[in-house]
Amino acid sequence: MKVLLTGASGFIGTHLLMYLLKKLGHDSVVALTSNKIPSINSITYDNEINFGLDKGRFDDITHIIHAGAFIPKDASQANDIEKCFGNIGFTTELLSYDFINLEKVINLSTIDIYAVTTKSLSEQSKIDPVSLYGSSKLYCESMIKSFSRQRDLDFLNLRIGHVYGPGEEKYKKVLPNAIQNLLENKPLELWGDGCELRSYIFIQDVVQAVANSLNSCVRNIDINIVSGVAVSIKDILEKAIEISGKKVKINRRNSSHQKRDLVFDNGLLLSTLLDKETELIKGLKIEYQYMKEKYESSI
């Protein structure tokens, strides 16, 4: 097996790369990146829509994990036309190479392809992206399916949900923002009543599921990589405060944002690619300690 990993410098990609190197060895993992990664077997490309590489450059690759994509860091970026279209352009360029020994394509997609609903979401839920980002990833799913069928290859579209854990602080998310405030002894901010439900899955669970998909007999389907345990935003903040051991306030802010719960049935995931989820409190402690050490080293 020889794996080509795109997006190796991203939040999920960084964790994936380290895991794959440990499990498969340096000779079995190749990172496709825009900038060379030191001490890693990497291939650098010129730009996202024209790699500038020989079409046979990936002929020794047997498996692709396509994690490379533009991911909005906040809601304002979710409809960025140029960046969202870049997801399609990058995937188009990737699939233009020969890959004469390719066996399987594992595509990391998103839960943002689903329609707004008050019901629990599963792989059978209605598809209707709420943003250009979701639309771009849905189109990439279709491209992967068509490419795999034309080449008689196996594929999996893994729809990634709300992921938390070390490394997510580069995104403007509720949890890392809250932890940062705790470390700085600042009050936390809660927009609205905090009753919105989210299903947070720990980064190492995502990595384990993706890695397991390499050798899994499961093929040619879409799987949500999500938690089956829903928790309110307010509860998340309270758990973070509890872990920190600090006494800080939660300041409530008025919000015009339309409430949307994101609750999932992850039965398919747990019956195929992941044995069990990491308990939320355990994952939160790991992330808090990671950010605490990072914060203290920068003082």
C-alpha atoms as a PDB file:
ATOM      1  CA  MET A   1       0.000   0.000   0.000  1.00  0.00           C
ATOM      2  CA  LYS A   2       1.164   3.507  -0.845  1.00  0.00           C
ATOM      3  CA  VAL A   3      -1.032   6.411   0.243  1.00  0.00           C
ATOM      4  CA  LEU A   4      -1.243   9.879  -1.282  1.00  0.00           C
ATOM      5  CA  LEU A   5      -2.543  12.393   1.259  1.00  0.00           C
ATOM      6  CA  THR A   6      -3.760  15.829   0.219  1.00  0.00           C
ATOM      7  CA  GLY A   7      -4.331  18.578   2.769  1.00  0.00           C
ATOM      8  CA  ALA A   8      -1.540  17.305   5.008  1.00  0.00           C
ATOM      9  CA  SER A   9      -0.978  20.705   6.612  1.00  0.00           C
ATOM     10  CA  GLY A  10      -4.615  21.251   7.646  1.00  0.00           C
ATOM     11  CA  PHE A  11      -6.246  20.538  11.007  1.00  0.00           C
ATOM     12  CA  ILE A  12      -7.355  17.003  10.175  1.00  0.00           C
ATOM     13  CA  GLY A  13      -4.584  16.406   7.634  1.00  0.00           C
ATOM     14  CA  THR A  14      -1.793  17.101  10.123  1.00  0.00           C
ATOM     15  CA  HIS A  15      -3.145  14.515  12.554  1.00  0.00           C
ATOM     16  CA  LEU A  16      -3.746  12.056   9.726  1.00  0.00           C
ATOM     17  CA  LEU A  17      -0.219  12.437   8.413  1.00  0.00           C
ATOM     18  CA  MET A  18       1.367  11.722  11.792  1.00  0.00           C
ATOM     19  CA  TYR A  19      -0.856   8.686  12.336  1.00  0.00           C
ATOM     20  CA  LEU A  20      -0.208   7.223   8.887  1.00  0.00           C
ATOM     21  CA  LEU A  21       3.547   7.713   9.165  1.00  0.00           C
ATOM     22  CA  LYS A  22       3.546   5.867  12.476  1.00  0.00           C
ATOM     23  CA  LYS A  23       1.359   3.010  11.212  1.00  0.00           C
ATOM     24  CA  LEU A  24       2.593   2.595   7.631  1.00  0.00           C
ATOM     25  CA  GLY A  25       6.083   4.087   7.666  1.00  0.00           C
ATOM     26  CA  HIS A  26       7.609   6.995   5.764  1.00  0.00           C
ATOM     27  CA  ASP A  27       8.047   5.038   2.534  1.00  0.00           C
ATOM     28  CA  SER A  28       4.317   4.278   2.309  1.00  0.00           C
ATOM     29  CA  VAL A  29       2.967   7.814   2.710  1.00  0.00           C
ATOM     30  CA  VAL A  30       3.266  10.710   0.263  1.00  0.00           C
ATOM     31  CA  ALA A  31       1.967  14.195   1.058  1.00  0.00           C
ATOM     32  CA  LEU A  32       0.798  16.350  -1.859  1.00  0.00           C
ATOM     33  CA  THR A  33       1.351  19.936  -0.715  1.00  0.00           C
ATOM     34  CA  SER A  34       1.926  23.481  -1.912  1.00  0.00           C
ATOM     35  CA  ASN A  35       4.927  23.763   0.422  1.00  0.00           C
ATOM     36  CA  LYS A  36       7.406  21.004   1.191  1.00  0.00           C
ATOM     37  CA  ILE A  37       7.084  19.445   4.634  1.00  0.00           C
ATOM     38  CA  PRO A  38      10.496  18.803   6.258  1.00  0.00           C
ATOM     39  CA  SER A  39      11.459  15.137   6.787  1.00  0.00           C
ATOM     40  CA  ILE A  40       8.329  13.975   4.953  1.00  0.00           C
ATOM     41  CA  ASN A  41       8.052  12.264   1.568  1.00  0.00           C
ATOM     42  CA  SER A  42       6.177  15.099  -0.106  1.00  0.00           C
ATOM     43  CA  ILE A  43       5.380  16.262  -3.621  1.00  0.00           C
ATOM     44  CA  THR A  44       4.873  19.991  -4.120  1.00  0.00           C
ATOM     45  CA  TYR A  45       2.578  21.419  -6.776  1.00  0.00           C
ATOM     46  CA  ASP A  46       2.700  24.758  -8.602  1.00  0.00           C
ATOM     47  CA  ASN A  47      -0.924  25.754  -7.958  1.00  0.00           C
ATOM     48  CA  GLU A  48      -4.266  24.147  -7.165  1.00  0.00           C
ATOM     49  CA  ILE A  49      -5.598  23.976 -10.724  1.00  0.00           C
ATOM     50  CA  ASN A  50      -2.316  23.095 -12.433  1.00  0.00           C
ATOM     51  CA  PHE A  51       0.067  20.988 -10.378  1.00  0.00           C
ATOM     52  CA  GLY A  52       2.764  21.231 -13.036  1.00  0.00           C
ATOM     53  CA  LEU A  53       3.653  17.560 -12.625  1.00  0.00           C
ATOM     54  CA  ASP A  54       4.133  14.710 -15.075  1.00  0.00           C
ATOM     55  CA  LYS A  55       0.858  12.795 -15.511  1.00  0.00           C
ATOM     56  CA  GLY A  56       2.549   9.591 -14.389  1.00  0.00           C
ATOM     57  CA  ARG A  57       3.882  11.153 -11.183  1.00  0.00           C
ATOM     58  CA  PHE A  58       1.473   9.176  -8.986  1.00  0.00           C
ATOM     59  CA  ASP A  59       1.689   5.807 -10.730  1.00  0.00           C
ATOM     60  CA  ASP A  60       2.956   4.057  -7.581  1.00  0.00           C
ATOM     61  CA  ILE A  61       0.016   5.281  -5.484  1.00  0.00           C
ATOM     62  CA  THR A  62      -2.576   2.657  -4.480  1.00  0.00           C
ATOM     63  CA  HIS A  63      -4.785   4.754  -2.181  1.00  0.00           C
ATOM     64  CA  ILE A  64      -5.766   8.429  -2.118  1.00  0.00           C
ATOM     65  CA  ILE A  65      -6.963  10.225   1.003  1.00  0.00           C
ATOM     66  CA  HIS A  66      -8.279  13.505  -0.359  1.00  0.00           C
ATOM     67  CA  ALA A  67      -8.383  15.830   2.648  1.00  0.00           C
ATOM     68  CA  GLY A  68      -7.184  18.937   0.850  1.00  0.00           C
ATOM     69  CA  ALA A  69      -9.830  21.629   0.503  1.00  0.00           C
ATOM     70  CA  PHE A  70     -10.771  25.154   1.395  1.00  0.00           C
ATOM     71  CA  ILE A  71     -12.693  25.051   4.671  1.00  0.00           C
ATOM     72  CA  PRO A  72     -14.345  28.263   5.928  1.00  0.00           C
ATOM     73  CA  LYS A  73     -12.789  29.541   9.130  1.00  0.00           C
ATOM     74  CA  ASP A  74     -16.024  31.365   9.934  1.00  0.00           C
ATOM     75  CA  ALA A  75     -19.537  31.831   8.505  1.00  0.00           C
ATOM     76  CA  SER A  76     -18.520  34.824   6.393  1.00  0.00           C
ATOM     77  CA  GLN A  77     -16.261  32.617   4.244  1.00  0.00           C
ATOM     78  CA  ALA A  78     -18.843  29.905   3.520  1.00  0.00           C
ATOM     79  CA  ASN A  79     -19.996  31.645   0.335  1.00  0.00           C
ATOM     80  CA  ASP A  80     -16.642  32.867  -0.958  1.00  0.00           C
ATOM     81  CA  ILE A  81     -17.067  32.133  -4.680  1.00  0.00           C
ATOM     82  CA  GLU A  82     -13.407  31.934  -5.631  1.00  0.00           C
ATOM     83  CA  LYS A  83     -12.315  29.803  -2.683  1.00  0.00           C
ATOM     84  CA  CYS A  84     -15.274  27.422  -2.904  1.00  0.00           C
ATOM     85  CA  PHE A  85     -14.778  26.957  -6.638  1.00  0.00           C
ATOM     86  CA  GLY A  86     -11.153  26.185  -5.816  1.00  0.00           C
ATOM     87  CA  ASN A  87     -12.295  22.937  -4.171  1.00  0.00           C
ATOM     88  CA  ILE A  88     -13.698  21.778  -7.502  1.00  0.00           C
ATOM     89  CA  GLY A  89     -10.644  22.931  -9.446  1.00  0.00           C
ATOM     90  CA  PHE A  90      -8.231  21.171  -7.103  1.00  0.00           C
ATOM     91  CA  THR A  91     -10.168  17.892  -7.227  1.00  0.00           C
ATOM     92  CA  THR A  92     -10.437  18.115 -11.022  1.00  0.00           C
ATOM     93  CA  GLU A  93      -6.672  18.514 -11.337  1.00  0.00           C
ATOM     94  CA  LEU A  94      -5.988  15.665  -8.904  1.00  0.00           C
ATOM     95  CA  LEU A  95      -8.196  13.242 -10.827  1.00  0.00           C
ATOM     96  CA  SER A  96      -6.546  14.140 -14.145  1.00  0.00           C
ATOM     97  CA  TYR A  97      -3.444  12.079 -13.321  1.00  0.00           C
ATOM     98  CA  ASP A  98      -2.901   8.513 -14.526  1.00  0.00           C
ATOM     99  CA  PHE A  99      -2.847   6.622 -11.189  1.00  0.00           C
ATOM    100  CA  ILE A 100      -2.279   3.318 -12.987  1.00  0.00           C
ATOM    101  CA  ASN A 101      -2.076   1.328  -9.714  1.00  0.00           C
ATOM    102  CA  LEU A 102      -4.840   3.088  -7.830  1.00  0.00           C
ATOM    103  CA  GLU A 103      -7.277   0.893  -5.882  1.00  0.00           C
ATOM    104  CA  LYS A 104      -9.285   3.189  -3.621  1.00  0.00           C
ATOM    105  CA  VAL A 105     -10.203   6.863  -3.216  1.00  0.00           C
ATOM    106  CA  ILE A 106     -11.183   8.175   0.213  1.00  0.00           C
ATOM    107  CA  ASN A 107     -12.699  11.627  -0.065  1.00  0.00           C
ATOM    108  CA  LEU A 108     -13.208  13.819   2.983  1.00  0.00           C
ATOM    109  CA  SER A 109     -16.442  15.722   2.469  1.00  0.00           C
ATOM    110  CA  THR A 110     -18.693  17.645   4.856  1.00  0.00           C
ATOM    111  CA  ILE A 111     -22.036  17.486   6.649  1.00  0.00           C
ATOM    112  CA  ASP A 112     -22.750  20.906   5.130  1.00  0.00           C
ATOM    113  CA  ILE A 113     -24.267  19.104   2.151  1.00  0.00           C
ATOM    114  CA  TYR A 114     -27.421  18.321   4.166  1.00  0.00           C
ATOM    115  CA  ALA A 115     -30.626  20.353   4.162  1.00  0.00           C
ATOM    116  CA  VAL A 116     -31.751  22.240   7.249  1.00  0.00           C
ATOM    117  CA  THR A 117     -33.988  20.000   9.333  1.00  0.00           C
ATOM    118  CA  THR A 118     -35.344  19.593  12.849  1.00  0.00           C
ATOM    119  CA  LYS A 119     -34.827  15.830  12.663  1.00  0.00           C
ATOM    120  CA  SER A 120     -31.811  13.684  13.431  1.00  0.00           C
ATOM    121  CA  LEU A 121     -29.502  13.490  10.415  1.00  0.00           C
ATOM    122  CA  SER A 122     -28.222  10.313   8.798  1.00  0.00           C
ATOM    123  CA  GLU A 123     -26.805   9.284   5.447  1.00  0.00           C
ATOM    124  CA  GLN A 124     -30.387   9.040   4.155  1.00  0.00           C
ATOM    125  CA  SER A 125     -31.261  12.647   5.009  1.00  0.00           C
ATOM    126  CA  LYS A 126     -32.205  15.183   2.351  1.00  0.00           C
ATOM    127  CA  ILE A 127     -29.323  16.720   0.420  1.00  0.00           C
ATOM    128  CA  ASP A 128     -29.540  20.495  -0.035  1.00  0.00           C
ATOM    129  CA  PRO A 129     -26.363  22.463   0.789  1.00  0.00           C
ATOM    130  CA  VAL A 130     -26.893  25.682   2.718  1.00  0.00           C
ATOM    131  CA  SER A 131     -23.745  27.360   1.345  1.00  0.00           C
ATOM    132  CA  LEU A 132     -21.415  27.470  -1.643  1.00  0.00           C
ATOM    133  CA  TYR A 133     -18.900  25.564   0.442  1.00  0.00           C
ATOM    134  CA  GLY A 134     -21.370  22.709   0.934  1.00  0.00           C
ATOM    135  CA  SER A 135     -22.272  22.796  -2.758  1.00  0.00           C
ATOM    136  CA  SER A 136     -18.621  22.626  -3.789  1.00  0.00           C
ATOM    137  CA  LYS A 137     -17.997  19.597  -1.593  1.00  0.00           C
ATOM    138  CA  LEU A 138     -21.134  17.862  -2.864  1.00  0.00           C
ATOM    139  CA  TYR A 139     -19.944  18.365  -6.439  1.00  0.00           C
ATOM    140  CA  CYS A 140     -16.569  16.908  -5.471  1.00  0.00           C
ATOM    141  CA  GLU A 141     -18.374  13.859  -4.060  1.00  0.00           C
ATOM    142  CA  SER A 142     -20.030  13.344  -7.440  1.00  0.00           C
ATOM    143  CA  MET A 143     -16.698  13.727  -9.207  1.00  0.00           C
ATOM    144  CA  ILE A 144     -15.119  11.074  -6.980  1.00  0.00           C
ATOM    145  CA  LYS A 145     -18.005   8.691  -7.638  1.00  0.00           C
ATOM    146  CA  SER A 146     -17.853   9.177 -11.415  1.00  0.00           C
ATOM    147  CA  PHE A 147     -14.058   8.861 -11.511  1.00  0.00           C
ATOM    148  CA  SER A 148     -14.126   5.666  -9.433  1.00  0.00           C
ATOM    149  CA  ARG A 149     -16.863   4.053 -11.496  1.00  0.00           C
ATOM    150  CA  GLN A 150     -15.123   4.894 -14.757  1.00  0.00           C
ATOM    151  CA  ARG A 151     -11.876   3.399 -13.467  1.00  0.00           C
ATOM    152  CA  ASP A 152     -13.513   0.474 -11.631  1.00  0.00           C
ATOM    153  CA  LEU A 153     -12.129   1.647  -8.284  1.00  0.00           C
ATOM    154  CA  ASP A 154     -13.481   1.612  -4.750  1.00  0.00           C
ATOM    155  CA  PHE A 155     -14.419   4.906  -3.119  1.00  0.00           C
ATOM    156  CA  LEU A 156     -15.731   6.306   0.146  1.00  0.00           C
ATOM    157  CA  ASN A 157     -17.129   9.773   0.711  1.00  0.00           C
ATOM    158  CA  LEU A 158     -16.607  10.530   4.389  1.00  0.00           C
ATOM    159  CA  ARG A 159     -18.759  13.455   5.496  1.00  0.00           C
ATOM    160  CA  ILE A 160     -16.914  15.107   8.348  1.00  0.00           C
ATOM    161  CA  GLY A 161     -18.947  16.728  11.115  1.00  0.00           C
ATOM    162  CA  HIS A 162     -17.984  19.130  13.893  1.00  0.00           C
ATOM    163  CA  VAL A 163     -14.489  18.110  14.929  1.00  0.00           C
ATOM    164  CA  TYR A 164     -12.770  19.291  18.085  1.00  0.00           C
ATOM    165  CA  GLY A 165      -9.332  18.693  19.541  1.00  0.00           C
ATOM    166  CA  PRO A 166      -5.752  19.973  19.473  1.00  0.00           C
ATOM    167  CA  GLY A 167      -5.098  22.110  16.404  1.00  0.00           C
ATOM    168  CA  GLU A 168      -8.598  23.511  15.860  1.00  0.00           C
ATOM    169  CA  GLU A 169      -7.619  26.861  17.360  1.00  0.00           C
ATOM    170  CA  LYS A 170      -6.736  28.164  13.896  1.00  0.00           C
ATOM    171  CA  TYR A 171     -10.479  28.228  13.205  1.00  0.00           C
ATOM    172  CA  LYS A 172     -12.784  30.749  14.862  1.00  0.00           C
ATOM    173  CA  LYS A 173     -14.865  28.150  16.666  1.00  0.00           C
ATOM    174  CA  VAL A 174     -16.770  28.284  19.930  1.00  0.00           C
ATOM    175  CA  LEU A 175     -14.635  25.819  21.874  1.00  0.00           C
ATOM    176  CA  PRO A 176     -11.086  27.064  21.164  1.00  0.00           C
ATOM    177  CA  ASN A 177     -12.270  30.657  21.594  1.00  0.00           C
ATOM    178  CA  ALA A 178     -13.728  29.724  24.971  1.00  0.00           C
ATOM    179  CA  ILE A 179     -10.576  27.931  26.086  1.00  0.00           C
ATOM    180  CA  GLN A 180      -8.443  30.888  25.027  1.00  0.00           C
ATOM    181  CA  ASN A 181     -10.632  33.203  27.110  1.00  0.00           C
ATOM    182  CA  LEU A 182     -10.324  30.862  30.075  1.00  0.00           C
ATOM    183  CA  LEU A 183      -6.545  30.850  29.796  1.00  0.00           C
ATOM    184  CA  GLU A 184      -6.593  34.645  29.752  1.00  0.00           C
ATOM    185  CA  ASN A 185      -9.060  34.775  32.667  1.00  0.00           C
ATOM    186  CA  LYS A 186     -11.648  36.490  30.517  1.00  0.00           C
ATOM    187  CA  PRO A 187     -15.421  35.859  30.603  1.00  0.00           C
ATOM    188  CA  LEU A 188     -16.885  33.565  27.978  1.00  0.00           C
ATOM    189  CA  GLU A 189     -19.391  34.770  25.420  1.00  0.00           C
ATOM    190  CA  LEU A 190     -22.621  32.968  24.631  1.00  0.00           C
ATOM    191  CA  TRP A 191     -24.644  34.145  21.667  1.00  0.00           C
ATOM    192  CA  GLY A 192     -28.364  33.542  22.100  1.00  0.00           C
ATOM    193  CA  ASP A 193     -29.695  31.170  24.736  1.00  0.00           C
ATOM    194  CA  GLY A 194     -27.033  28.527  24.078  1.00  0.00           C
ATOM    195  CA  CYS A 195     -29.602  25.773  23.618  1.00  0.00           C
ATOM    196  CA  GLU A 196     -28.533  24.903  20.076  1.00  0.00           C
ATOM    197  CA  LEU A 197     -27.372  21.301  19.893  1.00  0.00           C
ATOM    198  CA  ARG A 198     -24.120  20.184  18.291  1.00  0.00           C
ATOM    199  CA  SER A 199     -22.531  16.770  17.875  1.00  0.00           C
ATOM    200  CA  TYR A 200     -18.786  17.098  18.463  1.00  0.00           C
ATOM    201  CA  ILE A 201     -16.439  14.289  17.424  1.00  0.00           C
ATOM    202  CA  PHE A 202     -12.865  14.131  18.714  1.00  0.00           C
ATOM    203  CA  ILE A 203     -10.063  14.552  16.183  1.00  0.00           C
ATOM    204  CA  GLN A 204      -8.477  11.184  16.975  1.00  0.00           C
ATOM    205  CA  ASP A 205     -11.800   9.439  16.308  1.00  0.00           C
ATOM    206  CA  VAL A 206     -11.876  11.079  12.881  1.00  0.00           C
ATOM    207  CA  VAL A 207      -8.289  10.017  12.203  1.00  0.00           C
ATOM    208  CA  GLN A 208      -9.039   6.452  13.303  1.00  0.00           C
ATOM    209  CA  ALA A 209     -12.112   6.222  11.071  1.00  0.00           C
ATOM    210  CA  VAL A 210     -10.269   7.578   8.025  1.00  0.00           C
ATOM    211  CA  ALA A 211      -7.289   5.288   8.611  1.00  0.00           C
ATOM    212  CA  ASN A 212      -9.577   2.277   9.073  1.00  0.00           C
ATOM    213  CA  SER A 213     -11.208   3.054   5.728  1.00  0.00           C
ATOM    214  CA  LEU A 214      -7.957   2.183   3.933  1.00  0.00           C
ATOM    215  CA  ASN A 215      -8.333  -1.540   4.641  1.00  0.00           C
ATOM    216  CA  SER A 216     -12.066  -1.695   5.266  1.00  0.00           C
ATOM    217  CA  CYS A 217     -14.217  -3.920   3.080  1.00  0.00           C
ATOM    218  CA  VAL A 218     -16.807  -1.126   3.157  1.00  0.00           C
ATOM    219  CA  ARG A 219     -16.844   0.575  -0.217  1.00  0.00           C
ATOM    220  CA  ASN A 220     -18.737   2.810  -2.624  1.00  0.00           C
ATOM    221  CA  ILE A 221     -20.922   4.534  -0.035  1.00  0.00           C
ATOM    222  CA  ASP A 222     -21.175   7.790   1.904  1.00  0.00           C
ATOM    223  CA  ILE A 223     -20.541   7.731   5.666  1.00  0.00           C
ATOM    224  CA  ASN A 224     -21.013  10.527   8.182  1.00  0.00           C
ATOM    225  CA  ILE A 225     -17.988  10.879  10.458  1.00  0.00           C
ATOM    226  CA  VAL A 226     -19.892  12.412  13.347  1.00  0.00           C
ATOM    227  CA  SER A 227     -20.711  12.014  17.003  1.00  0.00           C
ATOM    228  CA  GLY A 228     -23.981  10.442  18.019  1.00  0.00           C
ATOM    229  CA  VAL A 229     -24.016  12.425  21.265  1.00  0.00           C
ATOM    230  CA  ALA A 230     -25.558  15.893  21.058  1.00  0.00           C
ATOM    231  CA  VAL A 231     -24.684  18.642  23.520  1.00  0.00           C
ATOM    232  CA  SER A 232     -25.806  22.252  23.791  1.00  0.00           C
ATOM    233  CA  ILE A 233     -23.412  25.149  23.254  1.00  0.00           C
ATOM    234  CA  LYS A 234     -24.131  26.270  26.824  1.00  0.00           C
ATOM    235  CA  ASP A 235     -23.190  22.845  28.192  1.00  0.00           C
ATOM    236  CA  ILE A 236     -19.939  22.878  26.218  1.00  0.00           C
ATOM    237  CA  LEU A 237     -18.947  26.194  27.777  1.00  0.00           C
ATOM    238  CA  GLU A 238     -19.859  24.988  31.254  1.00  0.00           C
ATOM    239  CA  LYS A 239     -17.803  21.816  30.782  1.00  0.00           C
ATOM    240  CA  ALA A 240     -14.821  23.886  29.632  1.00  0.00           C
ATOM    241  CA  ILE A 241     -15.103  26.055  32.751  1.00  0.00           C
ATOM    242  CA  GLU A 242     -15.318  22.944  34.948  1.00  0.00           C
ATOM    243  CA  ILE A 243     -12.170  21.490  33.381  1.00  0.00           C
ATOM    244  CA  SER A 244     -10.260  24.748  33.809  1.00  0.00           C
ATOM    245  CA  GLY A 245     -11.103  24.959  37.499  1.00  0.00           C
ATOM    246  CA  LYS A 246     -11.580  28.695  37.119  1.00  0.00           C
ATOM    247  CA  LYS A 247     -14.442  30.928  38.165  1.00  0.00           C
ATOM    248  CA  VAL A 248     -15.452  32.968  35.163  1.00  0.00           C
ATOM    249  CA  LYS A 249     -18.720  34.399  33.941  1.00  0.00           C
ATOM    250  CA  ILE A 250     -20.609  33.555  30.786  1.00  0.00           C
ATOM    251  CA  ASN A 251     -21.820  36.773  29.182  1.00  0.00           C
ATOM    252  CA  ARG A 252     -24.921  36.346  27.063  1.00  0.00           C
ATOM    253  CA  ARG A 253     -25.198  38.241  23.803  1.00  0.00           C
ATOM    254  CA  ASN A 254     -28.307  38.801  21.721  1.00  0.00           C
ATOM    255  CA  SER A 255     -28.255  36.945  18.434  1.00  0.00           C
ATOM    256  CA  SER A 256     -30.378  37.183  15.300  1.00  0.00           C
ATOM    257  CA  HIS A 257     -28.949  33.880  14.111  1.00  0.00           C
ATOM    258  CA  GLN A 258     -31.636  31.323  13.260  1.00  0.00           C
ATOM    259  CA  LYS A 259     -31.420  28.383  15.619  1.00  0.00           C
ATOM    260  CA  ARG A 260     -30.337  25.117  14.019  1.00  0.00           C
ATOM    261  CA  ASP A 261     -29.699  21.897  15.904  1.00  0.00           C
ATOM    262  CA  LEU A 262     -27.269  19.418  14.378  1.00  0.00           C
ATOM    263  CA  VAL A 263     -27.998  15.984  15.797  1.00  0.00           C
ATOM    264  CA  PHE A 264     -26.835  12.775  14.140  1.00  0.00           C
ATOM    265  CA  ASP A 265     -27.470   9.068  14.030  1.00  0.00           C
ATOM    266  CA  ASN A 266     -23.938   7.678  13.633  1.00  0.00           C
ATOM    267  CA  GLY A 267     -24.928   4.030  13.594  1.00  0.00           C
ATOM    268  CA  LEU A 268     -23.339   3.431  10.188  1.00  0.00           C
ATOM    269  CA  LEU A 269     -20.006   4.869  11.345  1.00  0.00           C
ATOM    270  CA  LEU A 270     -19.933   2.736  14.499  1.00  0.00           C
ATOM    271  CA  SER A 271     -20.792  -0.410  12.564  1.00  0.00           C
ATOM    272  CA  THR A 272     -18.109   0.117   9.916  1.00  0.00           C
ATOM    273  CA  LEU A 273     -15.130   2.386  10.610  1.00  0.00           C
ATOM    274  CA  LEU A 274     -15.092   3.212  14.338  1.00  0.00           C
ATOM    275  CA  ASP A 275     -15.557   0.932  17.344  1.00  0.00           C
ATOM    276  CA  LYS A 276     -16.490   3.637  19.839  1.00  0.00           C
ATOM    277  CA  GLU A 277     -16.363   7.381  20.397  1.00  0.00           C
ATOM    278  CA  THR A 278     -14.045   9.220  22.746  1.00  0.00           C
ATOM    279  CA  GLU A 279     -16.086  10.586  25.648  1.00  0.00           C
ATOM    280  CA  LEU A 280     -16.592  14.333  25.317  1.00  0.00           C
ATOM    281  CA  ILE A 281     -15.168  15.221  28.732  1.00  0.00           C
ATOM    282  CA  LYS A 282     -12.001  13.226  28.001  1.00  0.00           C
ATOM    283  CA  GLY A 283     -11.501  14.936  24.652  1.00  0.00           C
ATOM    284  CA  LEU A 284     -12.138  18.362  26.158  1.00  0.00           C
ATOM    285  CA  LYS A 285      -9.490  17.762  28.819  1.00  0.00           C
ATOM    286  CA  ILE A 286      -6.955  16.848  26.137  1.00  0.00           C
ATOM    287  CA  GLU A 287      -7.711  19.967  24.107  1.00  0.00           C
ATOM    288  CA  TYR A 288      -7.644  22.217  27.162  1.00  0.00           C
ATOM    289  CA  GLN A 289      -4.272  20.864  28.283  1.00  0.00           C
ATOM    290  CA  TYR A 290      -2.862  21.238  24.761  1.00  0.00           C
ATOM    291  CA  MET A 291      -3.964  24.865  24.507  1.00  0.00           C
ATOM    292  CA  LYS A 292      -2.815  25.575  28.075  1.00  0.00           C
ATOM    293  CA  GLU A 293       0.703  24.327  27.349  1.00  0.00           C
ATOM    294  CA  LYS A 294       0.792  26.249  24.086  1.00  0.00           C
ATOM    295  CA  TYR A 295      -0.414  29.419  25.814  1.00  0.00           C
ATOM    296  CA  GLU A 296       2.062  29.150  28.692  1.00  0.00           C
ATOM    297  CA  SER A 297       4.989  28.571  26.334  1.00  0.00           C
ATOM    298  CA  SER A 298       4.163  31.802  24.514  1.00  0.00           C
ATOM    299  CA  ILE A 299       4.067  33.994  27.614  1.00  0.00           C
END
